[in-house]
C-alpha cells in the first residue's frame, strides 16, 4: 500500500498555468562614448570643436540612457562616435602635416648652412 511517489506522479495532469521564458541573445546596451569624447575634447587639442560636439552628444546619450530611451541613446551615441572619429583623424592629419613641414624646414635650414660655408 505504501508505494513511493515518483516525479511523474506528483505533477498535475492538466496544468492551468504555463510559463514561457524569453531570452534575448545579442542585444547589447547602447554606448555613450563619454570617455572617448573626453579624450578627444581634452587631449587631442579639440580641432574644429569636434571634441566639444562629441562631448555634447555623449552627455545627451547618457541622459537618454538614464531616461530609458534606447533609440535616443543609440542615435546620440552614434553621432558622438562619428564626431570622435573625425576629431581623431583630423588630429592625426595635423600631426602628420606638422612633422612633414618641420622636416622640410629643418632640411632647408641645414642645407642652406652647409652650402653657405663653402
C-alpha atoms as a PDB file:
ATOM      1  CA  UNK A   1       0.000   0.000   0.000  1.00  0.00           C
ATOM      2  CA  UNK A   2       2.818   2.434   0.711  1.00  0.00           C
ATOM      3  CA  UNK A   3       4.243   2.801  -2.755  1.00  0.00           C
ATOM      4  CA  UNK A   4       6.871   5.514  -3.393  1.00  0.00           C
ATOM      5  CA  UNK A   5       5.738   8.549  -5.380  1.00  0.00           C
ATOM      6  CA  UNK A   6       7.755   9.281  -8.459  1.00  0.00           C
ATOM      7  CA  UNK A   7       8.258  12.708 -10.007  1.00  0.00           C
ATOM      8  CA  UNK A   8       5.761  11.959 -12.766  1.00  0.00           C
ATOM      9  CA  UNK A   9       3.110  11.009 -10.254  1.00  0.00           C
ATOM     10  CA  UNK A  10       3.419  14.284  -8.304  1.00  0.00           C
ATOM     11  CA  UNK A  11       2.815  16.634 -11.253  1.00  0.00           C
ATOM     12  CA  UNK A  12      -0.755  17.533 -12.185  1.00  0.00           C
ATOM     13  CA  UNK A  13      -2.170  16.009 -15.323  1.00  0.00           C
ATOM     14  CA  UNK A  14      -3.598  19.234 -16.792  1.00  0.00           C
ATOM     15  CA  UNK A  15      -1.558  22.263 -15.711  1.00  0.00           C
ATOM     16  CA  UNK A  16      -3.510  25.506 -15.719  1.00  0.00           C
ATOM     17  CA  UNK A  17      -0.537  27.909 -15.754  1.00  0.00           C
ATOM     18  CA  UNK A  18       2.076  27.776 -18.476  1.00  0.00           C
ATOM     19  CA  UNK A  19       5.211  29.872 -18.094  1.00  0.00           C
ATOM     20  CA  UNK A  20       7.234  30.982 -21.077  1.00  0.00           C
ATOM     21  CA  UNK A  21      10.784  32.214 -20.865  1.00  0.00           C
ATOM     22  CA  UNK A  22      12.147  34.621 -23.449  1.00  0.00           C
ATOM     23  CA  UNK A  23      15.887  35.030 -23.796  1.00  0.00           C
ATOM     24  CA  UNK A  24      17.247  37.862 -25.915  1.00  0.00           C
ATOM     25  CA  UNK A  25      20.605  36.998 -27.395  1.00  0.00           C
ATOM     26  CA  UNK A  26      22.847  39.573 -29.000  1.00  0.00           C
ATOM     27  CA  UNK A  27      21.113  42.613 -27.568  1.00  0.00           C
ATOM     28  CA  UNK A  28      23.762  44.867 -26.122  1.00  0.00           C
ATOM     29  CA  UNK A  29      23.388  48.093 -24.236  1.00  0.00           C
ATOM     30  CA  UNK A  30      23.893  51.210 -26.358  1.00  0.00           C
ATOM     31  CA  UNK A  31      27.094  53.075 -25.594  1.00  0.00           C
ATOM     32  CA  UNK A  32      27.513  56.772 -24.932  1.00  0.00           C
ATOM     33  CA  UNK A  33      31.296  57.050 -25.625  1.00  0.00           C
ATOM     34  CA  UNK A  34      31.788  59.580 -22.825  1.00  0.00           C
ATOM     35  CA  UNK A  35      35.423  58.608 -22.154  1.00  0.00           C
ATOM     36  CA  UNK A  36      36.382  58.767 -25.840  1.00  0.00           C
ATOM     37  CA  UNK A  37      34.690  62.178 -26.063  1.00  0.00           C
ATOM     38  CA  UNK A  38      36.556  63.418 -23.019  1.00  0.00           C
ATOM     39  CA  UNK A  39      39.869  62.301 -24.511  1.00  0.00           C
ATOM     40  CA  UNK A  40      39.148  63.919 -27.857  1.00  0.00           C
ATOM     41  CA  UNK A  41      37.974  67.097 -26.105  1.00  0.00           C
ATOM     42  CA  UNK A  42      40.950  67.498 -23.777  1.00  0.00           C
ATOM     43  CA  UNK A  43      43.933  65.609 -25.179  1.00  0.00           C
ATOM     44  CA  UNK A  44      43.502  65.802 -28.936  1.00  0.00           C
ATOM     45  CA  UNK A  45      43.572  69.571 -28.997  1.00  0.00           C
ATOM     46  CA  UNK A  46      39.880  69.826 -29.942  1.00  0.00           C
ATOM     47  CA  UNK A  47      40.366  70.524 -33.679  1.00  0.00           C
ATOM     48  CA  UNK A  48      37.453  72.469 -35.225  1.00  0.00           C
ATOM     49  CA  UNK A  49      35.481  71.992 -31.966  1.00  0.00           C
ATOM     50  CA  UNK A  50      34.733  68.383 -32.921  1.00  0.00           C
ATOM     51  CA  UNK A  51      35.642  67.201 -29.427  1.00  0.00           C
ATOM     52  CA  UNK A  52      33.172  69.662 -27.933  1.00  0.00           C
ATOM     53  CA  UNK A  53      30.399  68.432 -30.234  1.00  0.00           C
ATOM     54  CA  UNK A  54      31.253  64.829 -29.370  1.00  0.00           C
ATOM     55  CA  UNK A  55      31.125  65.664 -25.667  1.00  0.00           C
ATOM     56  CA  UNK A  56      27.722  67.328 -26.135  1.00  0.00           C
ATOM     57  CA  UNK A  57      26.242  64.273 -27.880  1.00  0.00           C
ATOM     58  CA  UNK A  58      27.817  61.898 -25.349  1.00  0.00           C
ATOM     59  CA  UNK A  59      26.170  63.746 -22.494  1.00  0.00           C
ATOM     60  CA  UNK A  60      22.850  63.683 -24.364  1.00  0.00           C
ATOM     61  CA  UNK A  61      23.257  59.931 -24.918  1.00  0.00           C
ATOM     62  CA  UNK A  62      23.946  59.394 -21.229  1.00  0.00           C
ATOM     63  CA  UNK A  63      20.843  61.413 -20.322  1.00  0.00           C
ATOM     64  CA  UNK A  64      18.760  59.359 -22.755  1.00  0.00           C
ATOM     65  CA  UNK A  65      20.188  56.151 -21.239  1.00  0.00           C
ATOM     66  CA  UNK A  66      19.170  57.241 -17.748  1.00  0.00           C
ATOM     67  CA  UNK A  67      15.693  58.159 -19.029  1.00  0.00           C
ATOM     68  CA  UNK A  68      15.345  54.710 -20.611  1.00  0.00           C
ATOM     69  CA  UNK A  69      15.161  55.872 -24.227  1.00  0.00           C
ATOM     70  CA  UNK A  70      17.181  53.189 -26.038  1.00  0.00           C
ATOM     71  CA  UNK A  71      16.702  54.593 -29.555  1.00  0.00           C
ATOM     72  CA  UNK A  72      17.706  58.103 -28.459  1.00  0.00           C
ATOM     73  CA  UNK A  73      20.775  56.678 -26.764  1.00  0.00           C
ATOM     74  CA  UNK A  74      21.774  54.805 -29.919  1.00  0.00           C
ATOM     75  CA  UNK A  75      21.281  57.870 -32.139  1.00  0.00           C
ATOM     76  CA  UNK A  76      23.201  60.280 -29.893  1.00  0.00           C
ATOM     77  CA  UNK A  77      25.907  57.711 -29.143  1.00  0.00           C
ATOM     78  CA  UNK A  78      26.469  57.025 -32.843  1.00  0.00           C
ATOM     79  CA  UNK A  79      26.696  60.757 -33.560  1.00  0.00           C
ATOM     80  CA  UNK A  80      29.192  61.176 -30.712  1.00  0.00           C
ATOM     81  CA  UNK A  81      31.254  58.294 -32.094  1.00  0.00           C
ATOM     82  CA  UNK A  82      31.335  59.879 -35.558  1.00  0.00           C
ATOM     83  CA  UNK A  83      32.481  63.224 -34.121  1.00  0.00           C
ATOM     84  CA  UNK A  84      35.159  61.431 -32.086  1.00  0.00           C
ATOM     85  CA  UNK A  85      36.450  59.585 -35.142  1.00  0.00           C
ATOM     86  CA  UNK A  86      36.514  62.810 -37.159  1.00  0.00           C
ATOM     87  CA  UNK A  87      38.422  64.609 -34.376  1.00  0.00           C
ATOM     88  CA  UNK A  88      40.945  61.769 -34.131  1.00  0.00           C
ATOM     89  CA  UNK A  89      41.533  61.621 -37.899  1.00  0.00           C
ATOM     90  CA  UNK A  90      41.860  65.391 -38.155  1.00  0.00           C
ATOM     91  CA  UNK A  91      44.312  65.450 -35.250  1.00  0.00           C
ATOM     92  CA  UNK A  92      46.426  62.711 -36.846  1.00  0.00           C
ATOM     93  CA  UNK A  93      46.468  64.575 -40.152  1.00  0.00           C
ATOM     94  CA  UNK A  94      47.513  67.799 -38.423  1.00  0.00           C
ATOM     95  CA  UNK A  95      50.345  65.999 -36.622  1.00  0.00           C
ATOM     96  CA  UNK A  96      51.471  64.430 -39.896  1.00  0.00           C
ATOM     97  CA  UNK A  97      51.432  67.802 -41.687  1.00  0.00           C
ATOM     98  CA  UNK A  98      53.384  69.346 -38.797  1.00  0.00           C
ATOM     99  CA  UNK A  99      56.036  66.622 -38.923  1.00  0.00           C
ATOM    100  CA  UNK A 100      56.420  66.938 -42.706  1.00  0.00           C
ATOM    101  CA  UNK A 101      56.592  70.739 -42.521  1.00  0.00           C
ATOM    102  CA  UNK A 102      59.200  70.705 -39.774  1.00  0.00           C
ATOM    103  CA  UNK A 103      61.326  68.110 -41.540  1.00  0.00           C
ATOM    104  CA  UNK A 104      61.287  70.124 -44.789  1.00  0.00           C
ATOM    105  CA  UNK A 105      62.054  73.326 -42.893  1.00  0.00           C
ATOM    106  CA  UNK A 106      64.949  71.780 -40.968  1.00  0.00           C
ATOM    107  CA  UNK A 107      66.292  70.184 -44.133  1.00  0.00           C
ATOM    108  CA  UNK A 108      66.302  73.569 -45.874  1.00  0.00           C
ATOM    109  CA  UNK A 109      67.966  75.291 -42.916  1.00  0.00           C
ATOM    110  CA  UNK A 110      70.787  72.744 -42.674  1.00  0.00           C
ATOM    111  CA  UNK A 111      71.156  72.588 -46.441  1.00  0.00           C
ATOM    112  CA  UNK A 112      71.491  76.399 -46.628  1.00  0.00           C
ATOM    113  CA  UNK A 113      74.061  76.467 -43.825  1.00  0.00           C
ATOM    114  CA  UNK A 114      76.115  73.716 -45.443  1.00  0.00           C
ATOM    115  CA  UNK A 115      76.354  75.451 -48.822  1.00  0.00           C
ATOM    116  CA  UNK A 116      76.904  78.881 -47.292  1.00  0.00           C
ATOM    117  CA  UNK A 117      80.083  77.660 -45.589  1.00  0.00           C
ATOM    118  CA  UNK A 118      81.585  76.525 -48.869  1.00  0.00           C
END
